[in-house]
Amino acid sequence: MKVTVRDRQSVFDLALRWCGDAEVAFAIAELNDMSVSEQIDPDTEIEVPSVMERRVVEYYKQNSIEPATMVEDTNYLITYKEELIITNNNENMVENG
């Protein structure tokens, strides 16, 4: 079955929503030749396997739940503080940066 990805949905979100089991994310990724961690553009059509846990799928449907857990900004800045490393006799101080 083909489904349309909504904003901020991950492969795991699709697995829960349409198959009822997060473990199906790996099958979805393989079926669509992608990584489970790949960010998917909204409105992309993705192939998903048949329902595994019907109760979960029905719960999402009846309560109009559309899981969307992808982080919007994936650009993280990592900074390192400069450290002073002092030798045992305190004579030689070396800066790391």
PDB file of N, CA and C in Angstrom:
ATOM      1  N   MET A   1       0.847  -1.171   0.000  1.00  0.00           N
ATOM      2  CA  MET A   1       0.000   0.000   0.000  1.00  0.00           C
ATOM      3  C   MET A   1       0.896   1.239   0.000  1.00  0.00           C
ATOM      4  N   LYS A   2       0.497   2.252  -0.740  1.00  0.00           N
ATOM      5  CA  LYS A   2       1.240   3.516  -0.761  1.00  0.00           C
ATOM      6  C   LYS A   2       0.552   4.517   0.152  1.00  0.00           C
ATOM      7  N   VAL A   3       1.379   5.264   0.909  1.00  0.00           N
ATOM      8  CA  VAL A   3       0.855   6.316   1.784  1.00  0.00           C
ATOM      9  C   VAL A   3       1.630   7.599   1.503  1.00  0.00           C
ATOM     10  N   THR A   4       1.010   8.712   1.827  1.00  0.00           N
ATOM     11  CA  THR A   4       1.648  10.006   1.623  1.00  0.00           C
ATOM     12  C   THR A   4       2.210  10.504   2.948  1.00  0.00           C
ATOM     13  N   VAL A   5       3.474  10.868   2.932  1.00  0.00           N
ATOM     14  CA  VAL A   5       4.166  11.342   4.131  1.00  0.00           C
ATOM     15  C   VAL A   5       3.695  12.757   4.459  1.00  0.00           C
ATOM     16  N   ARG A   6       3.431  12.975   5.737  1.00  0.00           N
ATOM     17  CA  ARG A   6       3.078  14.311   6.208  1.00  0.00           C
ATOM     18  C   ARG A   6       4.320  14.997   6.766  1.00  0.00           C
ATOM     19  N   ASP A   7       4.193  16.284   7.028  1.00  0.00           N
ATOM     20  CA  ASP A   7       5.308  17.071   7.544  1.00  0.00           C
ATOM     21  C   ASP A   7       5.875  16.449   8.818  1.00  0.00           C
ATOM     22  N   ARG A   8       7.202  16.311   8.872  1.00  0.00           N
ATOM     23  CA  ARG A   8       7.969  15.827  10.026  1.00  0.00           C
ATOM     24  C   ARG A   8       7.747  14.352  10.355  1.00  0.00           C
ATOM     25  N   GLN A   9       7.224  13.563   9.429  1.00  0.00           N
ATOM     26  CA  GLN A   9       7.056  12.139   9.698  1.00  0.00           C
ATOM     27  C   GLN A   9       8.318  11.375   9.332  1.00  0.00           C
ATOM     28  N   SER A  10       8.658  10.445  10.197  1.00  0.00           N
ATOM     29  CA  SER A  10       9.820   9.581   9.980  1.00  0.00           C
ATOM     30  C   SER A  10       9.342   8.197   9.538  1.00  0.00           C
ATOM     31  N   VAL A  11      10.287   7.362   9.183  1.00  0.00           N
ATOM     32  CA  VAL A  11       9.967   5.981   8.820  1.00  0.00           C
ATOM     33  C   VAL A  11       9.303   5.281  10.012  1.00  0.00           C
ATOM     34  N   PHE A  12       9.782   5.578  11.222  1.00  0.00           N
ATOM     35  CA  PHE A  12       9.185   4.979  12.416  1.00  0.00           C
ATOM     36  C   PHE A  12       7.739   5.454  12.619  1.00  0.00           C
ATOM     37  N   ASP A  13       7.473   6.732  12.356  1.00  0.00           N
ATOM     38  CA  ASP A  13       6.106   7.250  12.452  1.00  0.00           C
ATOM     39  C   ASP A  13       5.186   6.502  11.483  1.00  0.00           C
ATOM     40  N   LEU A  14       5.658   6.310  10.271  1.00  0.00           N
ATOM     41  CA  LEU A  14       4.863   5.607   9.263  1.00  0.00           C
ATOM     42  C   LEU A  14       4.617   4.165   9.681  1.00  0.00           C
ATOM     43  N   ALA A  15       5.625   3.531  10.244  1.00  0.00           N
ATOM     44  CA  ALA A  15       5.484   2.147  10.691  1.00  0.00           C
ATOM     45  C   ALA A  15       4.410   2.030  11.769  1.00  0.00           C
ATOM     46  N   LEU A  16       4.411   2.963  12.705  1.00  0.00           N
ATOM     47  CA  LEU A  16       3.400   2.942  13.766  1.00  0.00           C
ATOM     48  C   LEU A  16       2.007   3.227  13.215  1.00  0.00           C
ATOM     49  N   ARG A  17       1.908   4.284  12.434  1.00  0.00           N
ATOM     50  CA  ARG A  17       0.610   4.739  11.943  1.00  0.00           C
ATOM     51  C   ARG A  17      -0.052   3.735  11.001  1.00  0.00           C
ATOM     52  N   TRP A  18       0.715   3.193  10.073  1.00  0.00           N
ATOM     53  CA  TRP A  18       0.120   2.378   9.019  1.00  0.00           C
ATOM     54  C   TRP A  18       0.263   0.878   9.214  1.00  0.00           C
ATOM     55  N   CYS A  19       1.203   0.458  10.073  1.00  0.00           N
ATOM     56  CA  CYS A  19       1.404  -0.974  10.299  1.00  0.00           C
ATOM     57  C   CYS A  19       1.176  -1.375  11.755  1.00  0.00           C
ATOM     58  N   GLY A  20       1.221  -0.392  12.668  1.00  0.00           N
ATOM     59  CA  GLY A  20       0.971  -0.674  14.072  1.00  0.00           C
ATOM     60  C   GLY A  20       2.147  -1.238  14.826  1.00  0.00           C
ATOM     61  N   ASP A  21       3.339  -1.176  14.227  1.00  0.00           N
ATOM     62  CA  ASP A  21       4.520  -1.768  14.856  1.00  0.00           C
ATOM     63  C   ASP A  21       5.773  -1.026  14.398  1.00  0.00           C
ATOM     64  N   ALA A  22       6.505  -0.451  15.350  1.00  0.00           N
ATOM     65  CA  ALA A  22       7.707   0.326  15.020  1.00  0.00           C
ATOM     66  C   ALA A  22       8.789  -0.525  14.359  1.00  0.00           C
ATOM     67  N   GLU A  23       8.821  -1.816  14.656  1.00  0.00           N
ATOM     68  CA  GLU A  23       9.840  -2.686  14.059  1.00  0.00           C
ATOM     69  C   GLU A  23       9.705  -2.789  12.543  1.00  0.00           C
ATOM     70  N   VAL A  24       8.523  -2.482  12.028  1.00  0.00           N
ATOM     71  CA  VAL A  24       8.291  -2.533  10.583  1.00  0.00           C
ATOM     72  C   VAL A  24       9.048  -1.414   9.869  1.00  0.00           C
ATOM     73  N   ALA A  25       9.566  -0.441  10.622  1.00  0.00           N
ATOM     74  CA  ALA A  25      10.329   0.666  10.027  1.00  0.00           C
ATOM     75  C   ALA A  25      11.469   0.149   9.159  1.00  0.00           C
ATOM     76  N   PHE A  26      12.111  -0.908   9.591  1.00  0.00           N
ATOM     77  CA  PHE A  26      13.221  -1.467   8.821  1.00  0.00           C
ATOM     78  C   PHE A  26      12.740  -2.058   7.500  1.00  0.00           C
ATOM     79  N   ALA A  27      11.583  -2.685   7.509  1.00  0.00           N
ATOM     80  CA  ALA A  27      11.010  -3.225   6.273  1.00  0.00           C
ATOM     81  C   ALA A  27      10.599  -2.089   5.335  1.00  0.00           C
ATOM     82  N   ILE A  28      10.038  -1.012   5.900  1.00  0.00           N
ATOM     83  CA  ILE A  28       9.651   0.145   5.090  1.00  0.00           C
ATOM     84  C   ILE A  28      10.881   0.771   4.441  1.00  0.00           C
ATOM     85  N   ALA A  29      11.934   0.938   5.218  1.00  0.00           N
ATOM     86  CA  ALA A  29      13.171   1.516   4.687  1.00  0.00           C
ATOM     87  C   ALA A  29      13.713   0.664   3.546  1.00  0.00           C
ATOM     88  N   GLU A  30      13.748  -0.642   3.742  1.00  0.00           N
ATOM     89  CA  GLU A  30      14.252  -1.542   2.699  1.00  0.00           C
ATOM     90  C   GLU A  30      13.355  -1.517   1.466  1.00  0.00           C
ATOM     91  N   LEU A  31      12.062  -1.514   1.676  1.00  0.00           N
ATOM     92  CA  LEU A  31      11.092  -1.505   0.583  1.00  0.00           C
ATOM     93  C   LEU A  31      11.224  -0.256  -0.283  1.00  0.00           C
ATOM     94  N   ASN A  32      11.627   0.867   0.348  1.00  0.00           N
ATOM     95  CA  ASN A  32      11.732   2.144  -0.361  1.00  0.00           C
ATOM     96  C   ASN A  32      13.170   2.560  -0.623  1.00  0.00           C
ATOM     97  N   ASP A  33      14.100   1.631  -0.423  1.00  0.00           N
ATOM     98  CA  ASP A  33      15.523   1.870  -0.686  1.00  0.00           C
ATOM     99  C   ASP A  33      16.020   3.137   0.013  1.00  0.00           C
ATOM    100  N   MET A  34      15.794   3.186   1.335  1.00  0.00           N
ATOM    101  CA  MET A  34      16.198   4.338   2.121  1.00  0.00           C
ATOM    102  C   MET A  34      16.685   3.876   3.487  1.00  0.00           C
ATOM    103  N   SER A  35      17.214   4.818   4.254  1.00  0.00           N
ATOM    104  CA  SER A  35      17.663   4.549   5.615  1.00  0.00           C
ATOM    105  C   SER A  35      16.510   4.803   6.581  1.00  0.00           C
ATOM    106  N   VAL A  36      16.503   4.102   7.724  1.00  0.00           N
ATOM    107  CA  VAL A  36      15.451   4.343   8.713  1.00  0.00           C
ATOM    108  C   VAL A  36      15.567   5.729   9.317  1.00  0.00           C
ATOM    109  N   SER A  37      16.739   6.327   9.255  1.00  0.00           N
ATOM    110  CA  SER A  37      16.927   7.664   9.822  1.00  0.00           C
ATOM    111  C   SER A  37      16.823   8.782   8.787  1.00  0.00           C
ATOM    112  N   GLU A  38      16.545   8.424   7.560  1.00  0.00           N
ATOM    113  CA  GLU A  38      16.467   9.412   6.480  1.00  0.00           C
ATOM    114  C   GLU A  38      15.282  10.353   6.673  1.00  0.00           C
ATOM    115  N   GLN A  39      15.514  11.627   6.453  1.00  0.00           N
ATOM    116  CA  GLN A  39      14.434  12.605   6.520  1.00  0.00           C
ATOM    117  C   GLN A  39      13.646  12.535   5.221  1.00  0.00           C
ATOM    118  N   ILE A  40      12.329  12.470   5.342  1.00  0.00           N
ATOM    119  CA  ILE A  40      11.463  12.303   4.169  1.00  0.00           C
ATOM    120  C   ILE A  40      10.712  13.599   3.921  1.00  0.00           C
ATOM    121  N   ASP A  41      10.715  14.050   2.686  1.00  0.00           N
ATOM    122  CA  ASP A  41       9.994  15.266   2.327  1.00  0.00           C
ATOM    123  C   ASP A  41       8.486  15.032   2.412  1.00  0.00           C
ATOM    124  N   PRO A  42       7.755  16.029   2.929  1.00  0.00           N
ATOM    125  CA  PRO A  42       6.293  15.920   2.960  1.00  0.00           C
ATOM    126  C   PRO A  42       5.745  15.700   1.549  1.00  0.00           C
ATOM    127  N   ASP A  43       4.634  15.013   1.464  1.00  0.00           N
ATOM    128  CA  ASP A  43       3.932  14.698   0.216  1.00  0.00           C
ATOM    129  C   ASP A  43       4.621  13.618  -0.617  1.00  0.00           C
ATOM    130  N   THR A  44       5.691  13.020  -0.083  1.00  0.00           N
ATOM    131  CA  THR A  44       6.336  11.897  -0.757  1.00  0.00           C
ATOM    132  C   THR A  44       5.469  10.659  -0.567  1.00  0.00           C
ATOM    133  N   GLU A  45       5.330   9.863  -1.618  1.00  0.00           N
ATOM    134  CA  GLU A  45       4.596   8.612  -1.492  1.00  0.00           C
ATOM    135  C   GLU A  45       5.570   7.502  -1.123  1.00  0.00           C
ATOM    136  N   ILE A  46       5.211   6.754  -0.077  1.00  0.00           N
ATOM    137  CA  ILE A  46       6.053   5.687   0.448  1.00  0.00           C
ATOM    138  C   ILE A  46       5.258   4.389   0.444  1.00  0.00           C
ATOM    139  N   GLU A  47       5.907   3.314   0.065  1.00  0.00           N
ATOM    140  CA  GLU A  47       5.279   1.989   0.102  1.00  0.00           C
ATOM    141  C   GLU A  47       5.426   1.418   1.512  1.00  0.00           C
ATOM    142  N   VAL A  48       4.331   0.938   2.074  1.00  0.00           N
ATOM    143  CA  VAL A  48       4.372   0.301   3.397  1.00  0.00           C
ATOM    144  C   VAL A  48       3.758  -1.089   3.296  1.00  0.00           C
ATOM    145  N   PRO A  49       4.271  -2.029   4.100  1.00  0.00           N
ATOM    146  CA  PRO A  49       3.702  -3.375   4.086  1.00  0.00           C
ATOM    147  C   PRO A  49       2.313  -3.395   4.723  1.00  0.00           C
ATOM    148  N   SER A  50       1.693  -4.549   4.713  1.00  0.00           N
ATOM    149  CA  SER A  50       0.346  -4.666   5.281  1.00  0.00           C
ATOM    150  C   SER A  50       0.365  -4.484   6.800  1.00  0.00           C
ATOM    151  N   VAL A  51      -0.786  -4.243   7.346  1.00  0.00           N
ATOM    152  CA  VAL A  51      -0.965  -3.992   8.780  1.00  0.00           C
ATOM    153  C   VAL A  51      -0.486  -5.199   9.583  1.00  0.00           C
ATOM    154  N   MET A  52       0.268  -4.915  10.642  1.00  0.00           N
ATOM    155  CA  MET A  52       0.745  -5.974  11.531  1.00  0.00           C
ATOM    156  C   MET A  52      -0.101  -6.033  12.802  1.00  0.00           C
ATOM    157  N   GLU A  53      -0.359  -4.868  13.366  1.00  0.00           N
ATOM    158  CA  GLU A  53      -1.127  -4.760  14.614  1.00  0.00           C
ATOM    159  C   GLU A  53      -2.369  -3.903  14.351  1.00  0.00           C
ATOM    160  N   ARG A  54      -3.446  -4.549  13.956  1.00  0.00           N
ATOM    161  CA  ARG A  54      -4.662  -3.841  13.556  1.00  0.00           C
ATOM    162  C   ARG A  54      -5.211  -2.936  14.657  1.00  0.00           C
ATOM    163  N   ARG A  55      -5.133  -3.357  15.937  1.00  0.00           N
ATOM    164  CA  ARG A  55      -5.650  -2.533  17.040  1.00  0.00           C
ATOM    165  C   ARG A  55      -4.952  -1.184  17.110  1.00  0.00           C
ATOM    166  N   VAL A  56      -3.643  -1.176  16.918  1.00  0.00           N
ATOM    167  CA  VAL A  56      -2.873   0.067  16.981  1.00  0.00           C
ATOM    168  C   VAL A  56      -3.264   0.974  15.817  1.00  0.00           C
ATOM    169  N   VAL A  57      -3.338   0.408  14.631  1.00  0.00           N
ATOM    170  CA  VAL A  57      -3.698   1.179  13.437  1.00  0.00           C
ATOM    171  C   VAL A  57      -5.099   1.769  13.600  1.00  0.00           C
ATOM    172  N   GLU A  58      -6.034   0.983  14.092  1.00  0.00           N
ATOM    173  CA  GLU A  58      -7.399   1.470  14.307  1.00  0.00           C
ATOM    174  C   GLU A  58      -7.444   2.574  15.363  1.00  0.00           C
ATOM    175  N   TYR A  59      -6.639   2.440  16.407  1.00  0.00           N
ATOM    176  CA  TYR A  59      -6.586   3.472  17.450  1.00  0.00           C
ATOM    177  C   TYR A  59      -6.129   4.806  16.866  1.00  0.00           C
ATOM    178  N   TYR A  60      -5.041   4.770  16.075  1.00  0.00           N
ATOM    179  CA  TYR A  60      -4.558   5.994  15.433  1.00  0.00           C
ATOM    180  C   TYR A  60      -5.632   6.592  14.524  1.00  0.00           C
ATOM    181  N   LYS A  61      -6.297   5.736  13.761  1.00  0.00           N
ATOM    182  CA  LYS A  61      -7.318   6.207  12.821  1.00  0.00           C
ATOM    183  C   LYS A  61      -8.510   6.824  13.561  1.00  0.00           C
ATOM    184  N   GLN A  62      -9.035   6.125  14.563  1.00  0.00           N
ATOM    185  CA  GLN A  62     -10.210   6.609  15.301  1.00  0.00           C
ATOM    186  C   GLN A  62      -9.941   7.898  16.049  1.00  0.00           C
ATOM    187  N   ASN A  63      -8.704   8.096  16.492  1.00  0.00           N
ATOM    188  CA  ASN A  63      -8.364   9.289  17.272  1.00  0.00           C
ATOM    189  C   ASN A  63      -7.658  10.360  16.450  1.00  0.00           C
ATOM    190  N   SER A  64      -7.636  10.170  15.139  1.00  0.00           N
ATOM    191  CA  SER A  64      -7.004  11.121  14.205  1.00  0.00           C
ATOM    192  C   SER A  64      -5.580  11.466  14.625  1.00  0.00           C
ATOM    193  N   ILE A  65      -4.822  10.451  14.979  1.00  0.00           N
ATOM    194  CA  ILE A  65      -3.427  10.645  15.400  1.00  0.00           C
ATOM    195  C   ILE A  65      -2.514  10.398  14.210  1.00  0.00           C
ATOM    196  N   GLU A  66      -1.675  11.363  13.923  1.00  0.00           N
ATOM    197  CA  GLU A  66      -0.674  11.252  12.863  1.00  0.00           C
ATOM    198  C   GLU A  66       0.689  11.513  13.493  1.00  0.00           C
ATOM    199  N   PRO A  67       1.404  10.468  13.922  1.00  0.00           N
ATOM    200  CA  PRO A  67       2.713  10.683  14.547  1.00  0.00           C
ATOM    201  C   PRO A  67       3.645  11.464  13.618  1.00  0.00           C
ATOM    202  N   ALA A  68       4.346  12.422  14.182  1.00  0.00           N
ATOM    203  CA  ALA A  68       5.299  13.240  13.413  1.00  0.00           C
ATOM    204  C   ALA A  68       6.410  13.659  14.370  1.00  0.00           C
ATOM    205  N   THR A  69       7.464  12.876  14.415  1.00  0.00           N
ATOM    206  CA  THR A  69       8.496  13.070  15.439  1.00  0.00           C
ATOM    207  C   THR A  69       9.828  13.583  14.918  1.00  0.00           C
ATOM    208  N   MET A  70       9.939  13.848  13.624  1.00  0.00           N
ATOM    209  CA  MET A  70      11.220  14.319  13.091  1.00  0.00           C
ATOM    210  C   MET A  70      11.536  15.707  13.627  1.00  0.00           C
ATOM    211  N   VAL A  71      12.793  15.904  13.976  1.00  0.00           N
ATOM    212  CA  VAL A  71      13.262  17.206  14.432  1.00  0.00           C
ATOM    213  C   VAL A  71      13.370  18.111  13.218  1.00  0.00           C
ATOM    214  N   GLU A  72      12.861  19.331  13.353  1.00  0.00           N
ATOM    215  CA  GLU A  72      12.868  20.244  12.209  1.00  0.00           C
ATOM    216  C   GLU A  72      14.269  20.723  11.848  1.00  0.00           C
ATOM    217  N   ASP A  73      15.051  21.109  12.851  1.00  0.00           N
ATOM    218  CA  ASP A  73      16.388  21.635  12.586  1.00  0.00           C
ATOM    219  C   ASP A  73      17.415  20.586  12.970  1.00  0.00           C
ATOM    220  N   THR A  74      18.032  19.979  11.967  1.00  0.00           N
ATOM    221  CA  THR A  74      19.003  18.938  12.242  1.00  0.00           C
ATOM    222  C   THR A  74      20.440  19.452  12.192  1.00  0.00           C
ATOM    223  N   ASN A  75      20.622  20.764  12.090  1.00  0.00           N
ATOM    224  CA  ASN A  75      21.969  21.331  12.071  1.00  0.00           C
ATOM    225  C   ASN A  75      22.364  21.711  13.493  1.00  0.00           C
ATOM    226  N   TYR A  76      23.234  20.931  14.055  1.00  0.00           N
ATOM    227  CA  TYR A  76      23.687  21.184  15.411  1.00  0.00           C
ATOM    228  C   TYR A  76      25.122  21.674  15.377  1.00  0.00           C
ATOM    229  N   LEU A  77      25.428  22.627  16.229  1.00  0.00           N
ATOM    230  CA  LEU A  77      26.777  23.160  16.326  1.00  0.00           C
ATOM    231  C   LEU A  77      27.415  22.601  17.586  1.00  0.00           C
ATOM    232  N   ILE A  78      28.540  21.973  17.413  1.00  0.00           N
ATOM    233  CA  ILE A  78      29.268  21.434  18.554  1.00  0.00           C
ATOM    234  C   ILE A  78      30.494  22.303  18.769  1.00  0.00           C
ATOM    235  N   THR A  79      30.643  22.791  19.963  1.00  0.00           N
ATOM    236  CA  THR A  79      31.810  23.605  20.276  1.00  0.00           C
ATOM    237  C   THR A  79      32.577  22.967  21.418  1.00  0.00           C
ATOM    238  N   TYR A  80      33.849  23.188  21.429  1.00  0.00           N
ATOM    239  CA  TYR A  80      34.710  22.676  22.470  1.00  0.00           C
ATOM    240  C   TYR A  80      35.311  23.843  23.225  1.00  0.00           C
ATOM    241  N   LYS A  81      35.340  23.737  24.541  1.00  0.00           N
ATOM    242  CA  LYS A  81      35.970  24.771  25.345  1.00  0.00           C
ATOM    243  C   LYS A  81      37.475  24.553  25.333  1.00  0.00           C
ATOM    244  N   GLU A  82      38.174  25.643  25.383  1.00  0.00           N
ATOM    245  CA  GLU A  82      39.619  25.512  25.536  1.00  0.00           C
ATOM    246  C   GLU A  82      39.911  25.048  26.952  1.00  0.00           C
ATOM    247  N   GLU A  83      40.835  24.126  27.063  1.00  0.00           N
ATOM    248  CA  GLU A  83      41.202  23.607  28.371  1.00  0.00           C
ATOM    249  C   GLU A  83      42.671  23.889  28.624  1.00  0.00           C
ATOM    250  N   LEU A  84      42.980  24.144  29.854  1.00  0.00           N
ATOM    251  CA  LEU A  84      44.374  24.276  30.249  1.00  0.00           C
ATOM    252  C   LEU A  84      44.823  22.963  30.862  1.00  0.00           C
ATOM    253  N   ILE A  85      45.853  22.411  30.317  1.00  0.00           N
ATOM    254  CA  ILE A  85      46.418  21.192  30.881  1.00  0.00           C
ATOM    255  C   ILE A  85      47.703  21.586  31.592  1.00  0.00           C
ATOM    256  N   ILE A  86      47.737  21.310  32.847  1.00  0.00           N
ATOM    257  CA  ILE A  86      48.877  21.727  33.664  1.00  0.00           C
ATOM    258  C   ILE A  86      49.667  20.492  34.063  1.00  0.00           C
ATOM    259  N   THR A  87      50.953  20.549  33.883  1.00  0.00           N
ATOM    260  CA  THR A  87      51.804  19.427  34.268  1.00  0.00           C
ATOM    261  C   THR A  87      51.916  19.365  35.786  1.00  0.00           C
ATOM    262  N   ASN A  88      52.459  18.283  36.275  1.00  0.00           N
ATOM    263  CA  ASN A  88      52.564  18.072  37.717  1.00  0.00           C
ATOM    264  C   ASN A  88      53.333  19.174  38.428  1.00  0.00           C
ATOM    265  N   ASN A  89      54.342  19.718  37.795  1.00  0.00           N
ATOM    266  CA  ASN A  89      55.143  20.727  38.492  1.00  0.00           C
ATOM    267  C   ASN A  89      54.678  22.149  38.143  1.00  0.00           C
ATOM    268  N   ASN A  90      53.578  22.311  37.456  1.00  0.00           N
ATOM    269  CA  ASN A  90      52.987  23.613  37.121  1.00  0.00           C
ATOM    270  C   ASN A  90      53.894  24.529  36.331  1.00  0.00           C
ATOM    271  N   GLU A  91      54.976  24.014  35.783  1.00  0.00           N
ATOM    272  CA  GLU A  91      55.888  24.856  35.015  1.00  0.00           C
ATOM    273  C   GLU A  91      55.430  25.003  33.570  1.00  0.00           C
ATOM    274  N   ASN A  92      54.951  23.924  32.995  1.00  0.00           N
ATOM    275  CA  ASN A  92      54.575  23.947  31.584  1.00  0.00           C
ATOM    276  C   ASN A  92      53.051  23.902  31.453  1.00  0.00           C
ATOM    277  N   MET A  93      52.489  24.964  30.952  1.00  0.00           N
ATOM    278  CA  MET A  93      51.054  24.991  30.725  1.00  0.00           C
ATOM    279  C   MET A  93      50.809  24.895  29.223  1.00  0.00           C
ATOM    280  N   VAL A  94      49.945  23.997  28.844  1.00  0.00           N
ATOM    281  CA  VAL A  94      49.664  23.776  27.442  1.00  0.00           C
ATOM    282  C   VAL A  94      48.185  24.026  27.205  1.00  0.00           C
ATOM    283  N   GLU A  95      47.857  24.760  26.145  1.00  0.00           N
ATOM    284  CA  GLU A  95      46.453  25.004  25.808  1.00  0.00           C
ATOM    285  C   GLU A  95      46.022  24.017  24.741  1.00  0.00           C
ATOM    286  N   ASN A  96      44.871  23.435  24.949  1.00  0.00           N
ATOM    287  CA  ASN A  96      44.237  22.586  23.938  1.00  0.00           C
ATOM    288  C   ASN A  96      43.047  23.335  23.375  1.00  0.00           C
ATOM    289  N   GLY A  97      42.809  23.216  22.100  1.00  0.00           N
ATOM    290  CA  GLY A  97      41.646  23.896  21.540  1.00  0.00           C
ATOM    291  C   GLY A  97      41.235  23.210  20.362  1.00  0.00           C
TER     292      GLY A  97
END
